């Protein structure tokens, strides 16, 4: 069983490395634009999905909320714009 877990972690690590390479390479302009659009929002950002995408969407929201709570901020958009 230990080998199975190790194999899963290696597969995921390789996938993350490929994603990092794409974000740094061919996806860079689109990724930068997406981040700028999110940070530029003055209202709310809706994160949605079904199945695994929905699970990931909920995790993204949870991460943002936790980060804003740590910074004692009720305004997550302002909190993330001033993130250092």
Protein backbone atom coordinates (compact mmCIF):
# COMPACT_ATOMS: atom_id res chain seq x y z
CA UNK A 1 0.00 0.00 0.00
CA UNK A 2 2.89 2.38 0.74
CA UNK A 3 4.07 2.10 -2.89
CA UNK A 4 0.59 3.02 -4.15
CA UNK A 5 0.58 6.21 -2.08
CA UNK A 6 4.09 7.06 -3.17
CA UNK A 7 3.12 6.53 -6.80
CA UNK A 8 0.06 8.79 -6.47
CA UNK A 9 2.18 11.57 -4.96
CA UNK A 10 4.76 11.25 -7.75
CA UNK A 11 2.06 11.39 -10.44
CA UNK A 12 0.49 14.48 -8.86
CA UNK A 13 3.91 16.15 -8.45
CA UNK A 14 4.65 15.58 -12.15
CA UNK A 15 1.25 17.05 -13.10
CA UNK A 16 1.90 20.11 -10.92
CA UNK A 17 5.32 20.57 -12.53
CA UNK A 18 3.75 20.46 -15.99
CA UNK A 19 1.12 22.99 -14.88
CA UNK A 20 3.82 25.29 -13.45
CA UNK A 21 5.73 25.05 -16.73
CA UNK A 22 2.57 25.98 -18.71
CA UNK A 23 1.77 28.91 -16.41
CA UNK A 24 5.33 30.17 -16.79
CA UNK A 25 5.28 29.54 -20.54
CA UNK A 26 2.43 29.42 -23.02
CA UNK A 27 -0.32 30.13 -20.47
CA UNK A 28 1.44 33.12 -18.87
CA UNK A 29 -0.53 35.90 -20.60
CA UNK A 30 -3.90 34.23 -20.06
CA UNK A 31 -3.11 33.34 -16.45
CA UNK A 32 -1.90 36.88 -15.68
CA UNK A 33 -5.06 38.31 -17.25
CA UNK A 34 -7.29 35.99 -15.21
CA UNK A 35 -5.56 37.02 -11.98
CA UNK A 36 -5.84 40.72 -12.93
CA UNK A 37 -9.57 40.31 -13.62
CA UNK A 38 -10.18 38.62 -10.28
CA UNK A 39 -8.18 41.24 -8.35
CA UNK A 40 -9.93 44.01 -10.27
CA UNK A 41 -13.42 42.91 -9.30
CA UNK A 42 -15.32 45.40 -7.20
CA UNK A 43 -18.19 43.03 -6.53
CA UNK A 44 -18.24 39.32 -5.94
CA UNK A 45 -16.46 36.54 -7.73
CA UNK A 46 -18.54 33.41 -8.30
CA UNK A 47 -16.63 30.14 -8.17
CA UNK A 48 -18.60 27.12 -9.35
CA UNK A 49 -18.26 23.59 -10.60
CA UNK A 50 -19.77 20.11 -10.58
CA UNK A 51 -18.12 16.97 -9.32
CA UNK A 52 -14.39 17.35 -8.85
CA UNK A 53 -14.50 20.93 -10.17
CA UNK A 54 -17.07 21.76 -7.51
CA UNK A 55 -14.87 20.31 -4.80
CA UNK A 56 -11.95 22.39 -6.05
CA UNK A 57 -14.16 25.50 -6.22
CA UNK A 58 -15.18 25.05 -2.58
CA UNK A 59 -11.54 24.61 -1.59
CA UNK A 60 -10.57 27.84 -3.37
CA UNK A 61 -13.30 29.74 -1.51
CA UNK A 62 -12.24 28.18 1.79
CA UNK A 63 -8.59 29.17 1.23
CA UNK A 64 -9.56 32.77 0.46
CA UNK A 65 -11.83 32.98 3.52
CA UNK A 66 -9.22 31.50 5.85
CA UNK A 67 -6.56 33.87 4.53
CA UNK A 68 -8.83 36.88 5.03
CA UNK A 69 -9.74 35.77 8.56
CA UNK A 70 -6.03 35.50 9.42
CA UNK A 71 -5.64 39.08 8.24
CA UNK A 72 -8.75 40.14 10.25
CA UNK A 73 -10.40 41.40 7.08
CA UNK A 74 -14.08 41.26 6.21
CA UNK A 75 -13.41 42.49 2.69
CA UNK A 76 -11.61 39.63 0.94
CA UNK A 77 -11.18 41.56 -2.31
CA UNK A 78 -9.36 44.37 -0.49
CA UNK A 79 -7.46 41.84 1.60
CA UNK A 80 -6.12 40.03 -1.46
CA UNK A 81 -5.32 43.22 -3.39
CA UNK A 82 -3.03 44.36 -0.57
CA UNK A 83 -1.46 40.95 0.01
CA UNK A 84 2.30 41.11 0.46
